[in-house]
Protein backbone atom coordinates (compact mmCIF):
# COMPACT_ATOMS: atom_id res chain seq x y z
CA UNK A 1 46.27 -10.39 3.47
CA UNK A 2 43.70 -12.14 5.67
CA UNK A 3 45.07 -14.27 8.49
CA UNK A 4 43.56 -17.20 10.34
CA UNK A 5 44.24 -17.96 14.01
CA UNK A 6 45.17 -21.51 15.03
CA UNK A 7 44.83 -22.21 18.75
CA UNK A 8 45.50 -25.21 20.96
CA UNK A 9 44.83 -25.42 24.68
CA UNK A 10 46.63 -27.12 27.56
CA UNK A 11 44.24 -27.42 30.50
CA UNK A 12 45.31 -28.41 33.99
CA UNK A 13 42.59 -29.91 36.19
CA UNK A 14 43.31 -30.03 39.90
CA UNK A 15 41.67 -33.15 41.29
CA UNK A 16 39.56 -33.15 44.43
CA UNK A 17 41.25 -36.15 46.07
CA UNK A 18 41.86 -36.18 49.81
CA UNK A 19 45.60 -36.77 49.45
CA UNK A 20 48.37 -35.75 47.05
CA UNK A 21 49.45 -37.55 43.90
CA UNK A 22 52.44 -39.46 45.23
CA UNK A 23 52.20 -39.20 49.04
CA UNK A 24 49.63 -39.18 51.84
CA UNK A 25 49.70 -35.43 52.60
CA UNK A 26 46.29 -33.72 52.57
CA UNK A 27 45.48 -32.00 49.28
CA UNK A 28 43.39 -29.22 50.79
CA UNK A 29 42.97 -25.60 49.77
CA UNK A 30 43.64 -22.77 52.22
CA UNK A 31 45.72 -24.54 54.90
CA UNK A 32 48.56 -22.76 56.72
CA UNK A 33 51.57 -22.38 54.37
CA UNK A 34 53.92 -25.38 54.32
CA UNK A 35 51.78 -27.36 56.76
CA UNK A 36 50.82 -30.18 54.36
CA UNK A 37 54.27 -31.38 53.35
CA UNK A 38 56.43 -34.48 53.79
CA UNK A 39 59.77 -35.84 52.49
CA UNK A 40 58.09 -37.13 49.29
CA UNK A 41 56.46 -33.87 48.13
CA UNK A 42 59.52 -31.89 49.28
CA UNK A 43 61.80 -34.15 47.24
CA UNK A 44 64.07 -35.13 50.13
CA UNK A 45 66.72 -37.81 49.46
CA UNK A 46 65.50 -41.38 49.86
CA UNK A 47 61.78 -40.53 49.77
CA UNK A 48 59.88 -42.77 47.33
CA UNK A 49 56.62 -41.82 45.58
CA UNK A 50 53.55 -44.03 45.29
CA UNK A 51 50.76 -43.25 42.81
CA UNK A 52 47.37 -42.22 44.20
CA UNK A 53 44.82 -44.77 42.92
CA UNK A 54 41.89 -42.34 43.35
CA UNK A 55 43.64 -39.80 41.11
CA UNK A 56 44.31 -42.43 38.44
CA UNK A 57 40.69 -43.54 38.68
CA UNK A 58 39.56 -39.93 38.10
CA UNK A 59 41.78 -39.74 35.02
CA UNK A 60 40.27 -42.96 33.68
CA UNK A 61 36.72 -41.70 34.18
CA UNK A 62 37.51 -38.41 32.45
CA UNK A 63 39.11 -40.29 29.58
CA UNK A 64 36.08 -42.55 29.22
CA UNK A 65 33.74 -39.55 29.25
CA UNK A 66 35.79 -37.95 26.46
CA UNK A 67 35.93 -41.12 24.37
CA UNK A 68 39.70 -41.45 24.80
CA UNK A 69 41.64 -44.69 24.46
CA UNK A 70 42.72 -45.82 27.95
CA UNK A 71 46.16 -47.40 27.82
CA UNK A 72 46.55 -50.72 29.60
CA UNK A 73 50.11 -49.68 30.41
CA UNK A 74 51.34 -46.11 30.77
CA UNK A 75 54.53 -44.63 32.16
CA UNK A 76 55.37 -41.76 34.50
CA UNK A 77 58.27 -39.53 33.47
CA UNK A 78 60.49 -36.86 34.98
CA UNK A 79 60.25 -33.40 33.46
CA UNK A 80 63.45 -31.67 34.51
CA UNK A 81 63.61 -27.94 35.13
CA UNK A 82 64.63 -25.59 37.91
CA UNK A 83 62.15 -23.20 39.46
CA UNK A 84 61.78 -22.18 43.12
CA UNK A 85 58.31 -23.73 43.48
CA UNK A 86 59.55 -27.14 42.21
CA UNK A 87 61.34 -28.67 45.24
CA UNK A 88 62.68 -31.77 43.45
CA UNK A 89 63.86 -29.74 40.42
CA UNK A 90 61.75 -32.10 38.32
CA UNK A 91 58.04 -32.78 37.95
CA UNK A 92 56.58 -36.27 37.81
CA UNK A 93 54.31 -36.31 34.76
CA UNK A 94 53.65 -38.51 31.71
CA UNK A 95 55.20 -37.97 28.32
CA UNK A 96 55.61 -40.65 25.64
CA UNK A 97 53.07 -43.12 27.05
CA UNK A 98 50.18 -41.16 28.60
CA UNK A 99 47.19 -42.78 30.31
CA UNK A 100 44.55 -41.47 27.86
CA UNK A 101 44.97 -40.76 24.16
CA UNK A 102 42.62 -39.12 21.68
CA UNK A 103 38.98 -38.33 22.33
CA UNK A 104 36.89 -35.20 21.91
CA UNK A 105 34.68 -32.86 23.94
CA UNK A 106 31.21 -31.90 22.63
CA UNK A 107 30.72 -28.13 22.95
CA UNK A 108 27.93 -25.69 22.11
CA UNK A 109 29.33 -22.57 20.42
CA UNK A 110 26.83 -19.78 19.72
CA UNK A 111 24.00 -22.30 19.60
CA UNK A 112 25.85 -24.68 17.26
CA UNK A 113 26.88 -28.17 18.39
CA UNK A 114 30.62 -28.72 17.82
CA UNK A 115 33.21 -31.30 18.85
CA UNK A 116 36.85 -30.43 19.57
CA UNK A 117 39.49 -33.15 19.26
CA UNK A 118 42.03 -33.97 21.97
CA UNK A 119 45.59 -35.26 21.85
CA UNK A 120 45.81 -36.74 25.35
CA UNK A 121 44.91 -36.63 29.01
CA UNK A 122 47.64 -37.56 31.46
CA UNK A 123 48.26 -37.55 35.20
CA UNK A 124 50.91 -35.45 36.91
CA UNK A 125 51.69 -33.51 40.08
CA UNK A 126 51.25 -29.81 40.73
CA UNK A 127 54.00 -27.39 41.71
CA UNK A 128 54.22 -25.25 44.83
CA UNK A 129 53.06 -21.65 44.78
CA UNK A 130 55.29 -18.57 44.81
CA UNK A 131 54.28 -15.29 46.45
CA UNK A 132 56.24 -12.18 45.50
CA UNK A 133 57.08 -9.53 46.23
CA UNK A 134 56.30 -9.24 49.94
CA UNK A 135 57.57 -6.66 52.41
CA UNK A 136 59.97 -7.91 55.06
CA UNK A 137 61.17 -4.84 56.89
CA UNK A 138 62.73 -2.60 54.28
CA UNK A 139 63.31 -5.51 51.88
CA UNK A 140 61.11 -7.19 49.32
CA UNK A 141 61.15 -10.98 49.57
CA UNK A 142 59.56 -13.87 47.71
CA UNK A 143 58.07 -16.82 49.57
CA UNK A 144 57.09 -20.32 48.48
CA UNK A 145 54.23 -22.42 49.85
CA UNK A 146 54.76 -26.13 49.12
CA UNK A 147 51.28 -27.21 50.24
CA UNK A 148 50.27 -27.41 46.57
CA UNK A 149 53.42 -29.31 45.54
CA UNK A 150 52.37 -32.84 44.67
CA UNK A 151 48.62 -32.16 44.46
CA UNK A 152 47.13 -34.37 41.70
CA UNK A 153 46.62 -32.78 38.29
CA UNK A 154 45.28 -34.00 34.99
CA UNK A 155 46.67 -32.27 31.93
CA UNK A 156 44.33 -32.23 28.94
CA UNK A 157 45.90 -31.24 25.62
CA UNK A 158 43.73 -30.35 22.63
CA UNK A 159 44.63 -30.47 18.99
CA UNK A 160 45.12 -27.04 17.35
CA UNK A 161 41.45 -27.01 16.36
CA UNK A 162 40.26 -23.62 17.60
CA UNK A 163 39.99 -20.65 15.27
CA UNK A 164 38.56 -18.00 17.58
CA UNK A 165 38.73 -17.07 21.29
CA UNK A 166 34.97 -17.62 21.68
CA UNK A 167 35.44 -21.29 20.79
CA UNK A 168 38.07 -21.61 23.53
CA UNK A 169 35.74 -19.97 26.04
CA UNK A 170 32.94 -22.37 25.15
CA UNK A 171 35.34 -25.33 25.39
CA UNK A 172 36.51 -24.34 28.88
CA UNK A 173 32.91 -23.83 30.02
CA UNK A 174 32.04 -27.33 28.79
CA UNK A 175 35.16 -28.83 30.38
CA UNK A 176 34.36 -27.18 33.71
CA UNK A 177 30.84 -28.59 33.56
CA UNK A 178 32.18 -32.07 32.80
CA UNK A 179 34.75 -32.27 35.62
CA UNK A 180 32.12 -31.03 38.09
CA UNK A 181 29.58 -33.48 36.68
CA UNK A 182 32.00 -36.38 37.18
CA UNK A 183 32.81 -35.13 40.69
CA UNK A 184 36.57 -35.14 40.07
CA UNK A 185 37.24 -31.40 40.49
CA UNK A 186 35.55 -28.20 41.58
CA UNK A 187 36.71 -26.61 38.32
CA UNK A 188 37.01 -23.19 39.99
CA UNK A 189 39.55 -21.15 38.02
CA UNK A 190 39.84 -18.52 40.77
CA UNK A 191 41.09 -21.23 43.15
CA UNK A 192 43.43 -22.71 40.55
CA UNK A 193 41.34 -25.88 40.19
CA UNK A 194 41.19 -25.35 36.44
CA UNK A 195 44.04 -23.60 34.65
CA UNK A 196 44.71 -23.01 31.00
CA UNK A 197 47.70 -22.25 28.80
CA UNK A 198 47.06 -21.39 25.17
CA UNK A 199 49.27 -21.87 22.12
CA UNK A 200 48.41 -19.52 19.28
CA UNK A 201 49.76 -18.84 15.81
CA UNK A 202 48.55 -17.11 12.67
CA UNK A 203 48.71 -18.27 9.07
CA UNK A 204 47.34 -16.94 5.78
CA UNK A 205 43.66 -17.85 5.54
CA UNK A 206 43.19 -21.09 3.62
CA UNK A 207 46.81 -22.27 3.94
CA UNK A 208 47.87 -25.50 5.67
CA UNK A 209 51.32 -24.89 7.27
CA UNK A 210 51.22 -23.59 10.82
CA UNK A 211 52.87 -20.32 11.75
CA UNK A 212 55.31 -19.77 14.62
CA UNK A 213 53.40 -20.15 17.87
CA UNK A 214 53.53 -18.37 21.18
CA UNK A 215 52.27 -19.74 24.49
CA UNK A 216 50.16 -17.60 26.83
CA UNK A 217 50.21 -18.37 30.55
CA UNK A 218 48.48 -16.91 33.61
CA UNK A 219 45.02 -17.23 32.07
CA UNK A 220 43.00 -17.62 35.27
CA UNK A 221 39.44 -17.08 34.07
CA UNK A 222 37.40 -17.97 31.02
CA UNK A 223 37.01 -14.28 30.21
CA UNK A 224 40.77 -13.85 30.68
CA UNK A 225 41.46 -16.66 28.22
CA UNK A 226 39.35 -15.01 25.55
CA UNK A 227 40.78 -11.53 26.16
CA UNK A 228 44.36 -12.79 26.29
CA UNK A 229 43.93 -14.71 23.03
CA UNK A 230 42.27 -11.76 21.32
CA UNK A 231 45.16 -9.51 22.37
CA UNK A 232 47.83 -11.94 21.13
CA UNK A 233 46.03 -12.58 17.84
CA UNK A 234 45.87 -8.84 17.23
CA UNK A 235 49.56 -8.42 18.18
CA UNK A 236 50.67 -11.17 15.80
CA UNK A 237 48.50 -9.76 13.02
CA UNK A 238 50.12 -6.33 13.38
CA UNK A 239 53.63 -7.84 13.32
CA UNK A 240 52.90 -9.88 10.18
CA UNK A 241 51.17 -7.02 8.38
CA UNK A 242 54.23 -4.85 9.03
CA UNK A 243 56.49 -7.49 7.47
CA UNK A 244 57.91 -8.77 10.76
CA UNK A 245 58.38 -12.34 12.02
CA UNK A 246 56.80 -13.95 15.08
CA UNK A 247 59.32 -15.15 17.66
CA UNK A 248 58.51 -18.28 19.63
CA UNK A 249 58.08 -17.26 23.26
CA UNK A 250 56.10 -17.76 26.45
CA UNK A 251 53.92 -14.77 27.34
CA UNK A 252 52.22 -13.76 30.57
CA UNK A 253 48.79 -12.15 30.45
CA UNK A 254 48.04 -9.40 32.99
CA UNK A 255 44.25 -9.54 33.39
CA UNK A 256 44.09 -6.28 35.35
CA UNK A 257 45.87 -4.23 32.69
CA UNK A 258 44.84 -6.52 29.81
CA UNK A 259 48.38 -6.62 28.42
CA UNK A 260 50.87 -9.34 27.45
CA UNK A 261 54.51 -9.50 28.51
CA UNK A 262 57.30 -11.86 27.42
CA UNK A 263 58.15 -14.31 30.19
CA UNK A 264 60.90 -16.30 28.44
CA UNK A 265 61.91 -17.76 25.11
CA UNK A 266 59.85 -20.85 24.51
CA UNK A 267 61.49 -24.15 25.41
CA UNK A 268 61.21 -27.31 23.34
CA UNK A 269 60.49 -30.76 24.75
CA UNK A 270 64.18 -31.73 24.65
CA UNK A 271 64.97 -28.82 27.00
CA UNK A 272 63.14 -30.71 29.75
CA UNK A 273 65.17 -33.92 29.27
CA UNK A 274 62.21 -36.25 29.82
CA UNK A 275 63.03 -39.78 30.93
CA UNK A 276 61.00 -42.55 32.64
CA UNK A 277 60.54 -42.08 36.40
CA UNK A 278 62.82 -44.75 37.93
CA UNK A 279 61.02 -44.76 41.29
CA UNK A 280 57.59 -45.69 39.88
CA UNK A 281 56.59 -48.90 38.08
CA UNK A 282 54.63 -49.04 34.84
CA UNK A 283 51.03 -48.00 35.55
CA UNK A 284 48.79 -50.97 34.70
CA UNK A 285 45.05 -50.51 34.18
CA UNK A 286 43.52 -53.96 33.81
CA UNK A 287 40.12 -54.84 32.32
CA UNK A 288 38.51 -55.22 35.75
CA UNK A 289 39.50 -51.67 36.73
CA UNK A 290 38.33 -50.32 33.39
CA UNK A 291 35.01 -52.17 33.60
CA UNK A 292 34.35 -50.82 37.10
CA UNK A 293 35.15 -47.27 35.93
CA UNK A 294 32.71 -47.68 33.04
CA UNK A 295 30.03 -49.01 35.38
CA UNK A 296 30.33 -45.97 37.66
CA UNK A 297 30.32 -43.44 34.83
CA UNK A 298 27.11 -41.39 35.05
CA UNK A 299 24.92 -40.36 32.13
CA UNK A 300 26.99 -37.56 30.59
CA UNK A 301 25.70 -33.97 30.51
CA UNK A 302 25.31 -33.69 26.73
CA UNK A 303 23.52 -37.06 26.61
CA UNK A 304 21.21 -36.03 29.41
CA UNK A 305 20.49 -32.67 27.78
CA UNK A 306 19.51 -34.46 24.56
CA UNK A 307 17.26 -36.81 26.54
CA UNK A 308 15.60 -33.89 28.36
CA UNK A 309 14.84 -32.34 24.97
CA UNK A 310 13.42 -35.54 23.46
CA UNK A 311 11.73 -37.09 26.51
CA UNK A 312 10.39 -33.96 28.19
CA UNK A 313 10.02 -31.73 25.16
CA UNK A 314 12.30 -29.02 26.55
CA UNK A 315 13.89 -26.43 24.24
CA UNK A 316 17.65 -26.98 23.82
CA UNK A 317 18.40 -23.86 25.89
CA UNK A 318 16.33 -25.09 28.85
CA UNK A 319 17.88 -28.57 28.62
CA UNK A 320 21.35 -26.99 28.61
CA UNK A 321 20.67 -24.86 31.68
CA UNK A 322 19.18 -27.78 33.63
CA UNK A 323 22.20 -29.99 32.86
CA UNK A 324 24.77 -27.36 33.83
CA UNK A 325 25.02 -29.14 37.19
CA UNK A 326 24.41 -32.82 37.79
CA UNK A 327 22.50 -32.27 41.04
CA UNK A 328 20.31 -29.66 39.32
CA UNK A 329 19.49 -32.18 36.59
CA UNK A 330 18.67 -34.78 39.27
CA UNK A 331 16.45 -32.29 41.11
CA UNK A 332 14.63 -31.34 37.91
CA UNK A 333 14.02 -34.94 36.96
CA UNK A 334 12.61 -35.73 40.41
CA UNK A 335 10.10 -32.88 39.89
CA UNK A 336 9.35 -33.67 36.24
CA UNK A 337 8.28 -37.20 37.14
CA UNK A 338 5.45 -35.74 39.26
CA UNK A 339 4.32 -32.53 37.50
CA UNK A 340 4.27 -30.96 34.04
CA UNK A 341 7.82 -30.99 32.70
CA UNK A 342 7.76 -27.45 31.32
CA UNK A 343 6.21 -26.06 34.52
CA UNK A 344 8.99 -27.67 36.56
CA UNK A 345 11.61 -26.33 34.15
CA UNK A 346 10.25 -22.78 34.33
CA UNK A 347 10.19 -22.71 38.12
CA UNK A 348 13.69 -24.15 38.47
CA UNK A 349 15.20 -21.81 35.88
CA UNK A 350 13.57 -18.69 37.30
CA UNK A 351 12.63 -19.00 40.96
CA UNK A 352 15.05 -21.67 42.22
CA UNK A 353 18.16 -20.44 40.38
CA UNK A 354 17.34 -16.87 41.42
CA UNK A 355 17.34 -17.90 45.09
CA UNK A 356 20.61 -19.81 44.67
CA UNK A 357 22.25 -16.76 43.12
CA UNK A 358 20.86 -14.28 45.67
CA UNK A 359 21.74 -16.45 48.68
CA UNK A 360 24.98 -17.90 47.37
CA UNK A 361 23.67 -21.40 48.06
CA UNK A 362 24.66 -24.64 46.41
CA UNK A 363 21.99 -26.96 45.07
CA UNK A 364 22.75 -29.30 47.98
CA UNK A 365 21.96 -26.52 50.46
CA UNK A 366 18.76 -25.73 48.57
CA UNK A 367 17.70 -29.40 48.47
CA UNK A 368 18.17 -29.66 52.22
CA UNK A 369 15.68 -26.82 52.72
CA UNK A 370 13.31 -27.58 49.86
CA UNK A 371 13.52 -31.21 48.70
CA UNK A 372 11.87 -31.99 45.35
CA UNK A 373 8.70 -33.36 46.95
CA UNK A 374 8.07 -30.09 48.76
CA UNK A 375 8.34 -28.04 45.57
CA UNK A 376 6.23 -30.60 43.69
CA UNK A 377 3.37 -30.12 46.18
CA UNK A 378 3.33 -26.40 45.35
CA UNK A 379 3.63 -26.96 41.60
CA UNK A 380 0.72 -29.41 41.60
CA UNK A 381 -1.52 -26.69 43.02
CA UNK A 382 -0.20 -24.25 40.42
CA UNK A 383 -0.88 -26.77 37.63
CA UNK A 384 -4.42 -27.37 38.92
CA UNK A 385 -4.92 -23.58 39.07
CA UNK A 386 -5.73 -23.86 42.75
CA UNK A 387 -3.20 -21.13 43.50
CA UNK A 388 -2.91 -17.84 41.57
CA UNK A 389 0.59 -17.04 40.31
CA UNK A 390 1.39 -14.20 42.76
CA UNK A 391 0.24 -16.26 45.74
CA UNK A 392 2.22 -19.30 44.54
CA UNK A 393 5.38 -17.18 44.43
CA UNK A 394 4.60 -15.88 47.92
CA UNK A 395 4.27 -19.45 49.20
CA UNK A 396 7.57 -20.27 47.45
CA UNK A 397 9.21 -17.42 49.36
CA UNK A 398 7.87 -18.80 52.63
CA UNK A 399 9.26 -22.23 51.70
CA UNK A 400 12.74 -20.75 51.49
CA UNK A 401 12.51 -19.44 55.05
CA UNK A 402 10.19 -21.85 56.88
CA UNK A 403 9.44 -25.57 57.16
CA UNK A 404 6.11 -27.07 56.19
CA UNK A 405 4.08 -28.00 53.14
CA UNK A 406 2.02 -25.66 50.98
CA UNK A 407 -1.22 -26.09 52.95
CA UNK A 408 0.55 -25.68 56.28
CA UNK A 409 2.26 -22.48 55.11
CA UNK A 410 -1.03 -21.00 53.89
CA UNK A 411 -2.68 -21.76 57.25
CA UNK A 412 0.27 -20.38 59.20
CA UNK A 413 0.09 -17.10 57.32
CA UNK A 414 -3.69 -16.86 57.54
CA UNK A 415 -4.25 -17.18 53.81
CA UNK A 416 -7.31 -19.04 52.61
CA UNK A 417 -7.70 -19.57 48.89
CA UNK A 418 -11.26 -18.92 47.75
CA UNK A 419 -11.94 -21.92 45.58
CA UNK A 420 -15.65 -22.76 45.79
CA UNK A 421 -18.26 -21.31 43.41
CA UNK A 422 -20.36 -20.22 46.38
CA UNK A 423 -17.50 -18.06 47.70
CA UNK A 424 -16.56 -16.56 44.37
CA UNK A 425 -19.88 -15.99 42.59
CA UNK A 426 -20.65 -12.72 44.47
CA UNK A 427 -17.22 -11.33 43.47
CA UNK A 428 -17.73 -12.39 39.86
CA UNK A 429 -21.14 -10.73 39.65
CA UNK A 430 -19.79 -7.55 41.27
CA UNK A 431 -16.97 -7.32 38.70
CA UNK A 432 -19.40 -7.85 35.81
CA UNK A 433 -21.64 -5.09 37.14
CA UNK A 434 -18.66 -2.72 37.50
CA UNK A 435 -17.34 -3.36 33.98
CA UNK A 436 -20.21 -3.08 31.47
CA UNK A 437 -17.86 -2.09 28.63
CA UNK A 438 -15.71 -5.24 28.68
CA UNK A 439 -18.87 -7.31 29.17
CA UNK A 440 -20.38 -5.85 25.98
CA UNK A 441 -17.10 -6.51 24.15
CA UNK A 442 -17.11 -10.15 25.23
CA UNK A 443 -20.75 -10.61 24.25
CA UNK A 444 -19.91 -8.98 20.93
CA UNK A 445 -17.35 -11.69 20.21
CA UNK A 446 -14.15 -10.26 21.71
CA UNK A 447 -13.30 -13.24 23.90
CA UNK A 448 -9.89 -11.82 24.89
CA UNK A 449 -11.62 -9.51 27.38
CA UNK A 450 -12.23 -12.56 29.57
CA UNK A 451 -8.62 -12.30 30.75
CA UNK A 452 -9.19 -8.72 31.86
CA UNK A 453 -12.29 -9.74 33.83
CA UNK A 454 -10.41 -12.62 35.49
CA UNK A 455 -7.75 -10.12 36.57
CA UNK A 456 -10.39 -7.83 38.07
CA UNK A 457 -11.85 -10.66 40.13
CA UNK A 458 -8.37 -11.66 41.31
CA UNK A 459 -7.71 -8.05 42.31
CA UNK A 460 -11.00 -7.82 44.22
CA UNK A 461 -10.20 -11.09 46.05
CA UNK A 462 -6.79 -9.84 47.14
CA UNK A 463 -5.12 -12.48 44.98
CA UNK A 464 -6.70 -15.32 46.97
CA UNK A 465 -9.20 -16.60 44.40
CA UNK A 466 -8.61 -19.80 42.43
CA UNK A 467 -8.13 -18.56 38.83
CA UNK A 468 -9.58 -21.67 37.19
CA UNK A 469 -12.82 -21.42 39.19
CA UNK A 470 -13.02 -17.67 38.50
CA UNK A 471 -12.69 -18.27 34.77
CA UNK A 472 -15.38 -20.95 34.77
CA UNK A 473 -17.80 -18.76 36.74
CA UNK A 474 -17.22 -15.78 34.45
CA UNK A 475 -17.94 -17.88 31.38
CA UNK A 476 -21.07 -19.24 33.03
CA UNK A 477 -22.37 -15.79 33.97
CA UNK A 478 -21.49 -14.26 30.59
CA UNK A 479 -23.07 -17.08 28.61
CA UNK A 480 -26.17 -16.70 30.76
CA UNK A 481 -26.23 -12.99 29.93
CA UNK A 482 -25.80 -13.82 26.22
CA UNK A 483 -28.80 -16.14 26.27
CA UNK A 484 -30.85 -13.48 28.07
CA UNK A 485 -30.13 -10.84 25.44
């Protein structure tokens, strides 16, 4: 029997706010353990929480970007469970009345445009972080760092709409791009800024009822999500094919060994005994707040990619690459307003992104060294064929290391582009004299040999001749020779 996988994702987005969700402690990554704590995030008696407006605003903007319905009134709830990294023994989250409901995320899967539906996006607080085991003398001990306890999270829950791990990987890639684009999170899975749990079940292909699901945790990379899902799908398929039954459980994925292990029997919602948080009022989002959030919402990445394709004539792949980061899209557009759009796209996708990867720079660091206007000056000379390709790339390399415009860099390095007919005609005539075979081919109608002759002149000039002028002079000399035949 053929089986079909049914997958739903629960994504936790750690927000980049300065302070925690319900107190004023710094929400920073990498501080000394247990240095950013207070009575509120430690759950001490009498400490009262207060919702972080910036975190709620981030949730609203994400909901708007996803086309979710933003509730005018939503409610925080207590999710009760005991675990060492949960100091209050409950988590403040949202349950029956979340902030954002519905919506969808546009995703490109293997070149095909798809849209994956959502159930909700709600605000909550993060837990602390456990470290175990550690050596303490001859004993092994576990430690807990509560710096992360209370850090703002958004939980995004999808509908069970995925049928393959590759779809989940594409969804997470698109979600990471969106939260970075909106500036609400770094989206770095290695730092825990984006985490994912996956619910997966199998059913006979073509049937409607869902099978018994398992939940996979500890998926800390996009590749890990896809591998963990593939492993669990294969495990469930083997069990069903052997006549067994799937038991509902929570599984941990070990990315190093690429194996799954049972963590615990899966709880149901009633096990958490949700009830409204008595220390927080109803969260009210009025029309003025919503209107301001809409006003500040930027052009979304998929909309901008479509505009790049239609307005600048870019292929969908190029438009997708250039809208992977909002500041990269801004940089490209600043260049494309001044020079040929495709030329700007090619240089950004090859030369600029190569430097960023090699140097480990952000686009902001690159822009500080080479603002758009500086690159545009170089590209204008390339477009006018005043600089040969190899020399243009050499100038680009100097730009990375040194200040100054294109002309200043050429002067500083003692490079003078030979651009006048008077300078280049002797080289052109010398090349024609040295290559009688290609000359005869050209005169015989094989015009493609002109490119070879241009290359020979460029070689003789040490790469410092203006290609456009060389080409014009060659045509002039060759047509003169044709008339003289």
